[in-house]
Full PDB file with SEQRES, HELIX, SHEET, SSBOND, CRYST1, ORIGX, SCALE, CONECT and MASTER records, all heavy atoms in Angstrom:
SEQRES   1 A   39  ILE LYS GLY PHE ARG ALA TYR ILE ALA VAL PHE GLY GLY          
SEQRES   2 A   39  PHE LYS THR GLU LYS VAL MET GLY SER TYR SER MET TYR          
SEQRES   3 A   39  HIS ASN ILE THR SER LYS SER ARG ILE GLU LYS HIS ASP          
CRYST1    1.000    1.000    1.000  90.00  90.00  90.00 P 1           1          
ORIGX1      1.000000  0.000000  0.000000        0.00000                         
ORIGX2      0.000000  1.000000  0.000000        0.00000                         
ORIGX3      0.000000  0.000000  1.000000        0.00000                         
SCALE1      1.000000  0.000000  0.000000        0.00000                         
SCALE2      0.000000  1.000000  0.000000        0.00000                         
SCALE3      0.000000  0.000000  1.000000        0.00000                         
ATOM      1  N   ILE A   1       0.788  -1.205  -0.053  1.00  0.00           N  
ATOM      2  CA  ILE A   1       0.038   0.020  -0.052  1.00  0.00           C  
ATOM      3  C   ILE A   1       0.855   1.301   0.004  1.00  0.00           C  
ATOM      4  O   ILE A   1       0.580   2.175  -0.741  1.00  0.00           O  
ATOM      5  CB  ILE A   1      -0.967   0.026   1.279  1.00  0.00           C  
ATOM      6  CG1 ILE A   1      -1.840  -1.220   1.217  1.00  0.00           C  
ATOM      7  CG2 ILE A   1      -1.854   1.238   1.229  1.00  0.00           C  
ATOM      8  CD1 ILE A   1      -2.692  -1.440   0.008  1.00  0.00           C  
ATOM      9  N   LYS A   2       1.816   1.329   0.886  1.00  0.00           N  
ATOM     10  CA  LYS A   2       2.746   2.394   0.926  1.00  0.00           C  
ATOM     11  C   LYS A   2       4.077   2.025   1.496  1.00  0.00           C  
ATOM     12  O   LYS A   2       4.158   1.014   2.246  1.00  0.00           O  
ATOM     13  CB  LYS A   2       2.111   3.540   1.775  1.00  0.00           C  
ATOM     14  CG  LYS A   2       2.045   3.273   3.296  1.00  0.00           C  
ATOM     15  CD  LYS A   2       1.424   4.456   3.949  1.00  0.00           C  
ATOM     16  CE  LYS A   2       1.155   4.118   5.378  1.00  0.00           C  
ATOM     17  NZ  LYS A   2       0.509   5.172   6.107  1.00  0.00           N  
ATOM     18  N   GLY A   3       5.141   2.684   1.208  1.00  0.00           N  
ATOM     19  CA  GLY A   3       6.514   2.479   1.619  1.00  0.00           C  
ATOM     20  C   GLY A   3       7.047   1.414   0.884  1.00  0.00           C  
ATOM     21  O   GLY A   3       6.570   0.913  -0.131  1.00  0.00           O  
ATOM     22  N   PHE A   4       8.130   0.784   1.387  1.00  0.00           N  
ATOM     23  CA  PHE A   4       8.929  -0.228   0.628  1.00  0.00           C  
ATOM     24  C   PHE A   4       9.414  -1.306   1.505  1.00  0.00           C  
ATOM     25  O   PHE A   4       9.592  -2.401   1.165  1.00  0.00           O  
ATOM     26  CB  PHE A   4      10.098   0.446  -0.053  1.00  0.00           C  
ATOM     27  CG  PHE A   4      10.730  -0.492  -1.094  1.00  0.00           C  
ATOM     28  CD1 PHE A   4       9.977  -1.116  -2.109  1.00  0.00           C  
ATOM     29  CD2 PHE A   4      12.034  -0.662  -1.094  1.00  0.00           C  
ATOM     30  CE1 PHE A   4      10.551  -1.908  -3.024  1.00  0.00           C  
ATOM     31  CE2 PHE A   4      12.725  -1.522  -2.047  1.00  0.00           C  
ATOM     32  CZ  PHE A   4      11.975  -2.132  -3.081  1.00  0.00           C  
ATOM     33  N   ARG A   5       9.845  -0.971   2.870  1.00  0.00           N  
ATOM     34  CA  ARG A   5      10.300  -1.915   3.827  1.00  0.00           C  
ATOM     35  C   ARG A   5       9.458  -1.891   5.046  1.00  0.00           C  
ATOM     36  O   ARG A   5       9.232  -0.800   5.689  1.00  0.00           O  
ATOM     37  CB  ARG A   5      11.716  -1.655   4.086  1.00  0.00           C  
ATOM     38  CG  ARG A   5      12.668  -1.919   2.922  1.00  0.00           C  
ATOM     39  CD  ARG A   5      14.109  -1.697   3.208  1.00  0.00           C  
ATOM     40  NE  ARG A   5      14.971  -2.075   2.156  1.00  0.00           N  
ATOM     41  CZ  ARG A   5      15.321  -1.368   1.085  1.00  0.00           C  
ATOM     42  NH1 ARG A   5      14.888  -0.155   0.937  1.00  0.00           N  
ATOM     43  NH2 ARG A   5      16.058  -1.981   0.091  1.00  0.00           N  
ATOM     44  N   ALA A   6       9.174  -3.097   5.568  1.00  0.00           N  
ATOM     45  CA  ALA A   6       8.407  -3.180   6.797  1.00  0.00           C  
ATOM     46  C   ALA A   6       9.304  -4.028   7.800  1.00  0.00           C  
ATOM     47  O   ALA A   6      10.163  -4.721   7.489  1.00  0.00           O  
ATOM     48  CB  ALA A   6       7.055  -3.898   6.615  1.00  0.00           C  
ATOM     49  N   TYR A   7       8.893  -3.871   9.065  1.00  0.00           N  
ATOM     50  CA  TYR A   7       9.726  -4.432  10.090  1.00  0.00           C  
ATOM     51  C   TYR A   7       8.798  -5.200  11.118  1.00  0.00           C  
ATOM     52  O   TYR A   7       7.795  -4.661  11.595  1.00  0.00           O  
ATOM     53  CB  TYR A   7      10.502  -3.396  10.857  1.00  0.00           C  
ATOM     54  CG  TYR A   7      11.515  -2.758   9.975  1.00  0.00           C  
ATOM     55  CD1 TYR A   7      11.190  -1.672   9.195  1.00  0.00           C  
ATOM     56  CD2 TYR A   7      12.772  -3.358   9.920  1.00  0.00           C  
ATOM     57  CE1 TYR A   7      12.136  -1.167   8.263  1.00  0.00           C  
ATOM     58  CE2 TYR A   7      13.721  -2.808   8.905  1.00  0.00           C  
ATOM     59  CZ  TYR A   7      13.339  -1.669   8.206  1.00  0.00           C  
ATOM     60  OH  TYR A   7      14.224  -1.141   7.250  1.00  0.00           O  
ATOM     61  N   ILE A   8       9.110  -6.385  11.379  1.00  0.00           N  
ATOM     62  CA  ILE A   8       8.380  -7.259  12.355  1.00  0.00           C  
ATOM     63  C   ILE A   8       9.263  -7.386  13.560  1.00  0.00           C  
ATOM     64  O   ILE A   8      10.438  -7.923  13.496  1.00  0.00           O  
ATOM     65  CB  ILE A   8       8.089  -8.743  11.790  1.00  0.00           C  
ATOM     66  CG1 ILE A   8       7.276  -8.630  10.523  1.00  0.00           C  
ATOM     67  CG2 ILE A   8       7.290  -9.486  12.779  1.00  0.00           C  
ATOM     68  CD1 ILE A   8       7.107  -9.961   9.758  1.00  0.00           C  
ATOM     69  N   ALA A   9       8.857  -6.863  14.661  1.00  0.00           N  
ATOM     70  CA  ALA A   9       9.421  -7.046  15.957  1.00  0.00           C  
ATOM     71  C   ALA A   9       8.662  -8.213  16.727  1.00  0.00           C  
ATOM     72  O   ALA A   9       7.409  -8.242  16.661  1.00  0.00           O  
ATOM     73  CB  ALA A   9       9.458  -5.724  16.784  1.00  0.00           C  
ATOM     74  N   VAL A  10       9.370  -9.038  17.417  1.00  0.00           N  
ATOM     75  CA  VAL A  10       8.785 -10.106  18.281  1.00  0.00           C  
ATOM     76  C   VAL A  10       9.218  -9.831  19.823  1.00  0.00           C  
ATOM     77  O   VAL A  10      10.424  -9.298  19.955  1.00  0.00           O  
ATOM     78  CB  VAL A  10       9.125 -11.494  17.832  1.00  0.00           C  
ATOM     79  CG1 VAL A  10       8.551 -11.718  16.527  1.00  0.00           C  
ATOM     80  CG2 VAL A  10      10.605 -11.713  17.901  1.00  0.00           C  
ATOM     81  N   PHE A  11       8.482 -10.258  20.701  1.00  0.00           N  
ATOM     82  CA  PHE A  11       8.779 -10.039  22.065  1.00  0.00           C  
ATOM     83  C   PHE A  11      10.191 -10.771  22.375  1.00  0.00           C  
ATOM     84  O   PHE A  11      10.415 -11.894  21.986  1.00  0.00           O  
ATOM     85  CB  PHE A  11       7.738 -10.624  22.927  1.00  0.00           C  
ATOM     86  CG  PHE A  11       8.116 -10.721  24.417  1.00  0.00           C  
ATOM     87  CD1 PHE A  11       7.952  -9.617  25.242  1.00  0.00           C  
ATOM     88  CD2 PHE A  11       8.679 -11.810  25.026  1.00  0.00           C  
ATOM     89  CE1 PHE A  11       8.308  -9.524  26.624  1.00  0.00           C  
ATOM     90  CE2 PHE A  11       8.972 -11.779  26.438  1.00  0.00           C  
ATOM     91  CZ  PHE A  11       8.829 -10.689  27.166  1.00  0.00           C  
ATOM     92  N   GLY A  12      11.203  -9.977  22.871  1.00  0.00           N  
ATOM     93  CA  GLY A  12      12.478 -10.464  23.166  1.00  0.00           C  
ATOM     94  C   GLY A  12      13.399 -10.467  22.043  1.00  0.00           C  
ATOM     95  O   GLY A  12      14.613 -10.820  22.176  1.00  0.00           O  
ATOM     96  N   GLY A  13      13.056 -10.111  20.763  1.00  0.00           N  
ATOM     97  CA  GLY A  13      13.846 -10.152  19.563  1.00  0.00           C  
ATOM     98  C   GLY A  13      14.114 -11.518  19.048  1.00  0.00           C  
ATOM     99  O   GLY A  13      13.787 -12.511  19.722  1.00  0.00           O  
ATOM    100  N   PHE A  14      14.545 -11.514  17.867  1.00  0.00           N  
ATOM    101  CA  PHE A  14      14.949 -12.835  17.168  1.00  0.00           C  
ATOM    102  C   PHE A  14      16.233 -13.343  17.720  1.00  0.00           C  
ATOM    103  O   PHE A  14      17.171 -12.590  17.885  1.00  0.00           O  
ATOM    104  CB  PHE A  14      14.984 -12.607  15.704  1.00  0.00           C  
ATOM    105  CG  PHE A  14      13.651 -12.354  15.021  1.00  0.00           C  
ATOM    106  CD1 PHE A  14      13.136 -11.130  14.902  1.00  0.00           C  
ATOM    107  CD2 PHE A  14      12.909 -13.500  14.485  1.00  0.00           C  
ATOM    108  CE1 PHE A  14      11.748 -10.920  14.299  1.00  0.00           C  
ATOM    109  CE2 PHE A  14      11.742 -13.277  13.824  1.00  0.00           C  
ATOM    110  CZ  PHE A  14      11.148 -11.977  13.836  1.00  0.00           C  
ATOM    111  N   LYS A  15      16.231 -14.641  17.923  1.00  0.00           N  
ATOM    112  CA  LYS A  15      17.443 -15.280  18.562  1.00  0.00           C  
ATOM    113  C   LYS A  15      18.202 -16.063  17.442  1.00  0.00           C  
ATOM    114  O   LYS A  15      18.552 -17.340  17.596  1.00  0.00           O  
ATOM    115  CB  LYS A  15      17.049 -16.222  19.644  1.00  0.00           C  
ATOM    116  CG  LYS A  15      16.058 -15.631  20.643  1.00  0.00           C  
ATOM    117  CD  LYS A  15      16.743 -14.473  21.403  1.00  0.00           C  
ATOM    118  CE  LYS A  15      15.786 -13.942  22.442  1.00  0.00           C  
ATOM    119  NZ  LYS A  15      16.384 -12.784  23.281  1.00  0.00           N  
ATOM    120  N   THR A  16      18.558 -15.462  16.327  1.00  0.00           N  
ATOM    121  CA  THR A  16      19.253 -16.208  15.342  1.00  0.00           C  
ATOM    122  C   THR A  16      20.744 -16.022  15.482  1.00  0.00           C  
ATOM    123  O   THR A  16      21.224 -15.547  16.438  1.00  0.00           O  
ATOM    124  CB  THR A  16      18.646 -15.592  13.896  1.00  0.00           C  
ATOM    125  OG1 THR A  16      18.749 -14.100  13.986  1.00  0.00           O  
ATOM    126  CG2 THR A  16      17.314 -15.943  13.720  1.00  0.00           C  
ATOM    127  N   GLU A  17      21.395 -16.286  14.329  1.00  0.00           N  
ATOM    128  CA  GLU A  17      22.895 -16.366  14.354  1.00  0.00           C  
ATOM    129  C   GLU A  17      23.527 -14.899  14.685  1.00  0.00           C  
ATOM    130  O   GLU A  17      23.136 -14.030  14.082  1.00  0.00           O  
ATOM    131  CB  GLU A  17      23.410 -16.768  13.018  1.00  0.00           C  
ATOM    132  CG  GLU A  17      24.941 -17.011  12.877  1.00  0.00           C  
ATOM    133  CD  GLU A  17      25.339 -17.336  11.457  1.00  0.00           C  
ATOM    134  OE1 GLU A  17      24.505 -17.073  10.511  1.00  0.00           O  
ATOM    135  OE2 GLU A  17      26.510 -17.789  11.251  1.00  0.00           O  
ATOM    136  N   LYS A  18      24.546 -14.893  15.511  1.00  0.00           N  
ATOM    137  CA  LYS A  18      25.130 -13.676  15.889  1.00  0.00           C  
ATOM    138  C   LYS A  18      26.582 -13.685  15.588  1.00  0.00           C  
ATOM    139  O   LYS A  18      27.282 -14.676  16.075  1.00  0.00           O  
ATOM    140  CB  LYS A  18      24.924 -13.429  17.442  1.00  0.00           C  
ATOM    141  CG  LYS A  18      25.393 -12.046  17.864  1.00  0.00           C  
ATOM    142  CD  LYS A  18      25.178 -11.823  19.424  1.00  0.00           C  
ATOM    143  CE  LYS A  18      25.478 -10.312  19.801  1.00  0.00           C  
ATOM    144  NZ  LYS A  18      25.209 -10.146  21.253  1.00  0.00           N  
ATOM    145  N   VAL A  19      27.112 -12.784  14.798  1.00  0.00           N  
ATOM    146  CA  VAL A  19      28.403 -12.738  14.272  1.00  0.00           C  
ATOM    147  C   VAL A  19      28.994 -11.353  14.476  1.00  0.00           C  
ATOM    148  O   VAL A  19      28.382 -10.507  14.064  1.00  0.00           O  
ATOM    149  CB  VAL A  19      28.471 -13.171  12.820  1.00  0.00           C  
ATOM    150  CG1 VAL A  19      30.044 -13.178  12.225  1.00  0.00           C  
ATOM    151  CG2 VAL A  19      27.888 -14.531  12.512  1.00  0.00           C  
ATOM    152  N   MET A  20      30.209 -11.378  15.087  1.00  0.00           N  
ATOM    153  CA  MET A  20      30.826  -9.999  15.333  1.00  0.00           C  
ATOM    154  C   MET A  20      29.935  -9.039  15.954  1.00  0.00           C  
ATOM    155  O   MET A  20      29.810  -7.943  15.711  1.00  0.00           O  
ATOM    156  CB  MET A  20      31.365  -9.431  14.039  1.00  0.00           C  
ATOM    157  CG  MET A  20      32.413 -10.298  13.245  1.00  0.00           C  
ATOM    158  SD  MET A  20      32.877  -9.423  11.708  1.00  0.00           S  
ATOM    159  CE  MET A  20      34.028 -10.643  11.111  1.00  0.00           C  
ATOM    160  N   GLY A  21      29.150  -9.583  17.012  1.00  0.00           N  
ATOM    161  CA  GLY A  21      28.413  -8.682  17.898  1.00  0.00           C  
ATOM    162  C   GLY A  21      27.036  -8.168  17.257  1.00  0.00           C  
ATOM    163  O   GLY A  21      26.376  -7.447  17.743  1.00  0.00           O  
ATOM    164  N   SER A  22      26.698  -8.783  16.069  1.00  0.00           N  
ATOM    165  CA  SER A  22      25.421  -8.397  15.489  1.00  0.00           C  
ATOM    166  C   SER A  22      24.683  -9.596  14.939  1.00  0.00           C  
ATOM    167  O   SER A  22      25.302 -10.575  14.420  1.00  0.00           O  
ATOM    168  CB  SER A  22      25.812  -7.451  14.376  1.00  0.00           C  
ATOM    169  OG  SER A  22      24.618  -7.064  13.622  1.00  0.00           O  
ATOM    170  N   TYR A  23      23.424  -9.466  14.836  1.00  0.00           N  
ATOM    171  CA  TYR A  23      22.476 -10.460  14.229  1.00  0.00           C  
ATOM    172  C   TYR A  23      22.199 -10.128  12.746  1.00  0.00           C  
ATOM    173  O   TYR A  23      21.584 -10.945  12.049  1.00  0.00           O  
ATOM    174  CB  TYR A  23      21.140 -10.516  14.996  1.00  0.00           C  
ATOM    175  CG  TYR A  23      21.227 -11.010  16.388  1.00  0.00           C  
ATOM    176  CD1 TYR A  23      21.448 -10.183  17.440  1.00  0.00           C  
ATOM    177  CD2 TYR A  23      21.156 -12.385  16.707  1.00  0.00           C  
ATOM    178  CE1 TYR A  23      21.521 -10.626  18.728  1.00  0.00           C  
ATOM    179  CE2 TYR A  23      21.135 -12.823  17.963  1.00  0.00           C  
ATOM    180  CZ  TYR A  23      21.414 -11.977  19.024  1.00  0.00           C  
ATOM    181  OH  TYR A  23      21.468 -12.408  20.312  1.00  0.00           O  
ATOM    182  N   SER A  24      22.698  -8.921  12.201  1.00  0.00           N  
ATOM    183  CA  SER A  24      22.379  -8.613  10.913  1.00  0.00           C  
ATOM    184  C   SER A  24      22.936  -9.525   9.849  1.00  0.00           C  
ATOM    185  O   SER A  24      24.121  -9.940   9.819  1.00  0.00           O  
ATOM    186  CB  SER A  24      23.031  -7.172  10.653  1.00  0.00           C  
ATOM    187  OG  SER A  24      22.413  -6.236  11.437  1.00  0.00           O  
ATOM    188  N   MET A  25      22.079 -10.040   9.007  1.00  0.00           N  
ATOM    189  CA  MET A  25      22.381 -10.993   7.973  1.00  0.00           C  
ATOM    190  C   MET A  25      23.185 -10.302   6.911  1.00  0.00           C  
ATOM    191  O   MET A  25      22.774  -9.067   6.561  1.00  0.00           O  
ATOM    192  CB  MET A  25      21.285 -11.635   7.356  1.00  0.00           C  
ATOM    193  CG  MET A  25      20.536 -12.589   8.244  1.00  0.00           C  
ATOM    194  SD  MET A  25      19.084 -13.438   7.507  1.00  0.00           S  
ATOM    195  CE  MET A  25      18.874 -14.745   8.686  1.00  0.00           C  
ATOM    196  N   TYR A  26      24.277 -10.838   6.442  1.00  0.00           N  
ATOM    197  CA  TYR A  26      25.107 -10.266   5.320  1.00  0.00           C  
ATOM    198  C   TYR A  26      25.854 -11.378   4.715  1.00  0.00           C  
ATOM    199  O   TYR A  26      26.477 -12.174   5.327  1.00  0.00           O  
ATOM    200  CB  TYR A  26      26.008  -9.118   5.777  1.00  0.00           C  
ATOM    201  CG  TYR A  26      26.783  -8.468   4.683  1.00  0.00           C  
ATOM    202  CD1 TYR A  26      26.121  -7.492   3.935  1.00  0.00           C  
ATOM    203  CD2 TYR A  26      28.084  -8.752   4.346  1.00  0.00           C  
ATOM    204  CE1 TYR A  26      26.782  -6.867   2.905  1.00  0.00           C  
ATOM    205  CE2 TYR A  26      28.781  -8.203   3.273  1.00  0.00           C  
ATOM    206  CZ  TYR A  26      28.099  -7.247   2.573  1.00  0.00           C  
ATOM    207  OH  TYR A  26      28.726  -6.583   1.510  1.00  0.00           O  
ATOM    208  N   HIS A  27      25.898 -11.323   3.325  1.00  0.00           N  
ATOM    209  CA  HIS A  27      26.587 -12.374   2.557  1.00  0.00           C  
ATOM    210  C   HIS A  27      28.062 -12.524   2.964  1.00  0.00           C  
ATOM    211  O   HIS A  27      28.732 -11.529   3.088  1.00  0.00           O  
ATOM    212  CB  HIS A  27      26.569 -12.045   1.055  1.00  0.00           C  
ATOM    213  CG  HIS A  27      27.215 -12.992   0.150  1.00  0.00           C  
ATOM    214  ND1 HIS A  27      26.720 -14.305   0.063  1.00  0.00           N  
ATOM    215  CD2 HIS A  27      28.235 -12.781  -0.621  1.00  0.00           C  
ATOM    216  CE1 HIS A  27      27.536 -14.899  -0.863  1.00  0.00           C  
ATOM    217  NE2 HIS A  27      28.418 -14.082  -1.274  1.00  0.00           N  
ATOM    218  N   ASN A  28      28.480 -13.766   3.206  1.00  0.00           N  
ATOM    219  CA  ASN A  28      29.871 -14.113   3.626  1.00  0.00           C  
ATOM    220  C   ASN A  28      30.277 -13.678   5.019  1.00  0.00           C  
ATOM    221  O   ASN A  28      31.352 -14.020   5.535  1.00  0.00           O  
ATOM    222  CB  ASN A  28      30.951 -13.505   2.551  1.00  0.00           C  
ATOM    223  CG  ASN A  28      30.932 -14.167   1.276  1.00  0.00           C  
ATOM    224  OD1 ASN A  28      30.500 -15.388   1.147  1.00  0.00           O  
ATOM    225  ND2 ASN A  28      31.356 -13.491   0.263  1.00  0.00           N  
ATOM    226  N   ILE A  29      29.328 -13.042   5.787  1.00  0.00           N  
ATOM    227  CA  ILE A  29      29.522 -12.714   7.109  1.00  0.00           C  
ATOM    228  C   ILE A  29      28.728 -13.697   7.989  1.00  0.00           C  
ATOM    229  O   ILE A  29      29.253 -14.502   8.817  1.00  0.00           O  
ATOM    230  CB  ILE A  29      29.232 -11.282   7.542  1.00  0.00           C  
ATOM    231  CG1 ILE A  29      30.083 -10.320   6.616  1.00  0.00           C  
ATOM    232  CG2 ILE A  29      29.382 -11.024   9.016  1.00  0.00           C  
ATOM    233  CD1 ILE A  29      31.556 -10.377   7.036  1.00  0.00           C  
ATOM    234  N   THR A  30      27.508 -13.782   7.704  1.00  0.00           N  
ATOM    235  CA  THR A  30      26.507 -14.819   8.383  1.00  0.00           C  
ATOM    236  C   THR A  30      26.373 -15.951   7.379  1.00  0.00           C  
ATOM    237  O   THR A  30      26.676 -15.856   6.193  1.00  0.00           O  
ATOM    238  CB  THR A  30      25.280 -14.179   8.730  1.00  0.00           C  
ATOM    239  OG1 THR A  30      24.686 -13.501   7.628  1.00  0.00           O  
ATOM    240  CG2 THR A  30      25.456 -13.054   9.790  1.00  0.00           C  
ATOM    241  N   SER A  31      25.840 -16.994   7.834  1.00  0.00           N  
ATOM    242  CA  SER A  31      25.750 -18.265   6.980  1.00  0.00           C  
ATOM    243  C   SER A  31      24.633 -17.979   5.814  1.00  0.00           C  
ATOM    244  O   SER A  31      24.651 -18.587   4.820  1.00  0.00           O  
ATOM    245  CB  SER A  31      25.294 -19.446   7.808  1.00  0.00           C  
ATOM    246  OG  SER A  31      24.126 -19.182   8.608  1.00  0.00           O  
ATOM    247  N   LYS A  32      23.706 -17.004   6.101  1.00  0.00           N  
ATOM    248  CA  LYS A  32      22.769 -16.664   5.100  1.00  0.00           C  
ATOM    249  C   LYS A  32      22.579 -15.185   5.023  1.00  0.00           C  
ATOM    250  O   LYS A  32      22.835 -14.466   6.023  1.00  0.00           O  
ATOM    251  CB  LYS A  32      21.376 -17.214   5.360  1.00  0.00           C  
ATOM    252  CG  LYS A  32      21.272 -18.718   5.296  1.00  0.00           C  
ATOM    253  CD  LYS A  32      19.865 -19.272   5.545  1.00  0.00           C  
ATOM    254  CE  LYS A  32      19.817 -20.699   5.380  1.00  0.00           C  
ATOM    255  NZ  LYS A  32      18.331 -21.301   5.686  1.00  0.00           N  
ATOM    256  N   SER A  33      22.186 -14.659   3.859  1.00  0.00           N  
ATOM    257  CA  SER A  33      21.969 -13.269   3.679  1.00  0.00           C  
ATOM    258  C   SER A  33      20.464 -12.885   3.744  1.00  0.00           C  
ATOM    259  O   SER A  33      20.238 -11.669   3.855  1.00  0.00           O  
ATOM    260  CB  SER A  33      22.597 -12.703   2.401  1.00  0.00           C  
ATOM    261  OG  SER A  33      22.005 -13.347   1.302  1.00  0.00           O  
ATOM    262  N   ARG A  34      19.611 -13.826   3.706  1.00  0.00           N  
ATOM    263  CA  ARG A  34      18.229 -13.617   3.861  1.00  0.00           C  
ATOM    264  C   ARG A  34      17.574 -14.849   4.300  1.00  0.00           C  
ATOM    265  O   ARG A  34      18.164 -15.994   4.254  1.00  0.00           O  
ATOM    266  CB  ARG A  34      17.600 -13.205   2.495  1.00  0.00           C  
ATOM    267  CG  ARG A  34      17.692 -14.245   1.385  1.00  0.00           C  
ATOM    268  CD  ARG A  34      17.224 -13.726   0.110  1.00  0.00           C  
ATOM    269  NE  ARG A  34      18.203 -13.055  -0.660  1.00  0.00           N  
ATOM    270  CZ  ARG A  34      18.004 -12.472  -1.772  1.00  0.00           C  
ATOM    271  NH1 ARG A  34      16.827 -12.663  -2.449  1.00  0.00           N  
ATOM    272  NH2 ARG A  34      18.822 -11.815  -2.354  1.00  0.00           N  
ATOM    273  N   ILE A  35      16.321 -14.825   4.756  1.00  0.00           N  
ATOM    274  CA  ILE A  35      15.651 -15.990   5.172  1.00  0.00           C  
ATOM    275  C   ILE A  35      15.202 -16.750   3.993  1.00  0.00           C  
ATOM    276  O   ILE A  35      14.969 -16.156   2.940  1.00  0.00           O  
ATOM    277  CB  ILE A  35      14.505 -15.711   6.197  1.00  0.00           C  
ATOM    278  CG1 ILE A  35      13.362 -14.951   5.577  1.00  0.00           C  
ATOM    279  CG2 ILE A  35      14.962 -14.918   7.461  1.00  0.00           C  
ATOM    280  CD1 ILE A  35      12.093 -14.792   6.265  1.00  0.00           C  
ATOM    281  N   GLU A  36      14.960 -18.035   4.177  1.00  0.00           N  
ATOM    282  CA  GLU A  36      14.545 -18.930   3.118  1.00  0.00           C  
ATOM    283  C   GLU A  36      13.392 -19.871   3.571  1.00  0.00           C  
ATOM    284  O   GLU A  36      13.258 -20.107   4.768  1.00  0.00           O  
ATOM    285  CB  GLU A  36      15.733 -19.804   2.579  1.00  0.00           C  
ATOM    286  CG  GLU A  36      16.845 -18.941   2.029  1.00  0.00           C  
ATOM    287  CD  GLU A  36      18.083 -19.929   1.718  1.00  0.00           C  
ATOM    288  OE1 GLU A  36      17.975 -21.099   2.090  1.00  0.00           O  
ATOM    289  OE2 GLU A  36      19.059 -19.353   1.085  1.00  0.00           O  
ATOM    290  N   LYS A  37      12.577 -20.367   2.569  1.00  0.00           N  
ATOM    291  CA  LYS A  37      11.539 -21.208   2.922  1.00  0.00           C  
ATOM    292  C   LYS A  37      12.012 -22.414   3.689  1.00  0.00           C  
ATOM    293  O   LYS A  37      13.183 -23.007   3.420  1.00  0.00           O  
ATOM    294  CB  LYS A  37      10.924 -21.763   1.612  1.00  0.00           C  
ATOM    295  CG  LYS A  37       9.692 -22.569   1.881  1.00  0.00           C  
ATOM    296  CD  LYS A  37       9.047 -22.894   0.403  1.00  0.00           C  
ATOM    297  CE  LYS A  37       7.832 -23.833   0.575  1.00  0.00           C  
ATOM    298  NZ  LYS A  37       7.206 -24.134  -0.694  1.00  0.00           N  
ATOM    299  N   HIS A  38      11.354 -22.829   4.665  1.00  0.00           N  
ATOM    300  CA  HIS A  38      11.683 -23.998   5.550  1.00  0.00           C  
ATOM    301  C   HIS A  38      12.583 -23.597   6.680  1.00  0.00           C  
ATOM    302  O   HIS A  38      12.891 -24.446   7.599  1.00  0.00           O  
ATOM    303  CB  HIS A  38      12.159 -25.189   4.823  1.00  0.00           C  
ATOM    304  CG  HIS A  38      11.315 -25.690   3.752  1.00  0.00           C  
ATOM    305  ND1 HIS A  38       9.972 -26.049   3.991  1.00  0.00           N  
ATOM    306  CD2 HIS A  38      11.584 -25.950   2.461  1.00  0.00           C  
ATOM    307  CE1 HIS A  38       9.411 -26.435   2.845  1.00  0.00           C  
ATOM    308  NE2 HIS A  38      10.375 -26.423   1.885  1.00  0.00           N  
ATOM    309  N   ASP A  39      13.094 -22.335   6.708  1.00  0.00           N  
ATOM    310  CA  ASP A  39      13.970 -21.926   7.835  1.00  0.00           C  
ATOM    311  C   ASP A  39      13.113 -21.969   9.159  1.00  0.00           C  
ATOM    312  O   ASP A  39      11.902 -21.783   9.159  1.00  0.00           O  
ATOM    313  CB  ASP A  39      14.452 -20.412   7.614  1.00  0.00           C  
ATOM    314  CG  ASP A  39      15.703 -20.439   6.715  1.00  0.00           C  
ATOM    315  OD1 ASP A  39      16.256 -21.464   6.378  1.00  0.00           O  
ATOM    316  OD2 ASP A  39      16.159 -19.392   6.365  1.00  0.00           O  
TER     317      ASP A  39                                                      
MASTER        0    0    0    0    0    0    0    6  316    1    0    3          
END                                                                             
């Protein structure tokens, strides 16, 4: 409807892979750069 990027926050935050002090996904830093089906 409007805008381009949305954000989903969950209580307590997501508990995914943490690398170099951050959970931010990035190619060749974390194991994945984006979420995928069946994750």
